[in-house]
Protein backbone atom coordinates (compact mmCIF):
# COMPACT_ATOMS: atom_id res chain seq x y z
CA MET A 1 19.07 11.18 -41.00
CA ALA A 2 18.26 11.59 -37.18
CA VAL A 3 18.52 8.72 -35.22
CA VAL A 4 16.98 7.87 -31.56
CA ASP A 5 18.35 6.28 -28.74
CA LEU A 6 16.75 4.75 -25.18
CA VAL A 7 18.63 6.34 -22.64
CA ASP A 8 15.81 5.95 -19.48
CA SER A 9 12.87 5.30 -18.62
CA MET A 10 10.43 5.70 -15.59
CA LEU A 11 7.10 3.92 -14.32
CA GLN A 12 4.93 6.43 -12.81
CA LEU A 13 1.53 5.17 -11.46
CA THR A 14 -1.76 7.70 -10.74
CA PHE A 15 -3.93 7.15 -7.80
CA ASN A 16 -6.96 8.66 -6.50
CA GLU A 17 -7.31 10.34 -3.60
CA GLY A 18 -11.31 11.58 -3.41
CA VAL A 19 -12.83 14.26 -5.06
CA ASP A 20 -12.14 18.45 -4.62
CA PRO A 21 -15.20 19.13 -2.68
CA GLU A 22 -15.07 22.60 -3.96
CA SER A 23 -14.59 21.74 -8.02
CA GLY A 24 -15.63 17.72 -8.09
CA GLU A 25 -12.12 17.06 -9.69
CA PRO A 26 -10.15 14.18 -8.81
CA ILE A 27 -7.38 14.69 -6.68
CA LEU A 28 -4.20 12.58 -7.74
CA ALA A 29 -1.65 11.60 -6.34
CA TYR A 30 1.08 10.05 -8.69
CA LYS A 31 4.43 7.82 -7.76
CA ARG A 32 7.13 7.70 -9.44
CA PHE A 33 9.54 4.74 -10.48
CA ASN A 34 12.77 5.94 -12.18
CA GLN A 35 15.76 3.92 -14.14
CA VAL A 36 13.28 1.16 -15.27
CA LYS A 37 14.79 -1.25 -16.95
CA MET A 38 14.69 0.00 -20.88
CA GLU A 39 13.99 -4.16 -21.78
CA ALA A 40 10.99 -4.55 -19.12
CA ASN A 41 8.02 -5.21 -21.53
CA HIS A 42 4.28 -3.11 -21.12
CA GLU A 43 3.03 -5.89 -19.67
CA GLN A 44 5.36 -6.48 -16.80
CA LEU A 45 5.33 -3.31 -15.50
CA TYR A 46 1.42 -3.67 -15.60
CA ASN A 47 2.07 -6.46 -12.88
CA VAL A 48 4.78 -4.56 -10.90
CA ALA A 49 2.12 -1.61 -10.71
CA THR A 50 -1.35 -3.32 -9.84
CA ALA A 51 0.69 -5.48 -7.36
CA PHE A 52 2.41 -1.62 -6.07
CA ALA A 53 -1.34 -0.63 -6.12
CA GLY A 54 -2.49 -3.31 -3.47
CA LEU A 55 -0.24 -2.12 -1.30
CA GLN A 56 -1.59 1.14 -1.68
CA GLU A 57 -4.42 2.81 1.00
CA HIS A 58 -6.23 4.40 -2.46
CA THR A 59 -7.59 3.50 -6.11
CA LEU A 60 -4.97 2.96 -9.10
CA TYR A 61 -6.23 5.71 -10.75
CA GLN A 62 -3.35 5.63 -13.74
CA VAL A 63 -0.47 3.54 -15.53
CA SER A 64 2.07 5.05 -17.36
CA ARG A 65 5.32 4.87 -18.54
CA ARG A 66 7.42 7.69 -19.79
CA ASP A 67 10.61 7.36 -22.13
CA ILE A 68 13.54 9.88 -22.90
CA SER A 69 14.83 9.50 -25.99
CA ASP A 70 18.03 11.83 -27.04
CA ILE A 71 18.07 12.29 -30.75
CA TYR A 72 20.87 12.77 -32.77
CA GLN A 73 22.44 13.15 -36.27
CA SER A 74 23.49 10.38 -37.61
């Protein structure tokens, strides 16, 4: 039976820096925060992200949590 262990977590904020004049697509910039406490819940992370976004020049486009897990046979 396979077992999963959560080993790391990252918070990624995506900001909209404008629109590409040629393609019309949004220009996105990313800020990543590594080694997020694995016990942090989604509400806590969202609150931190929106607080940090308030200090930025550009508009917050998306908030993502990226988890890394080890999978192995037990």
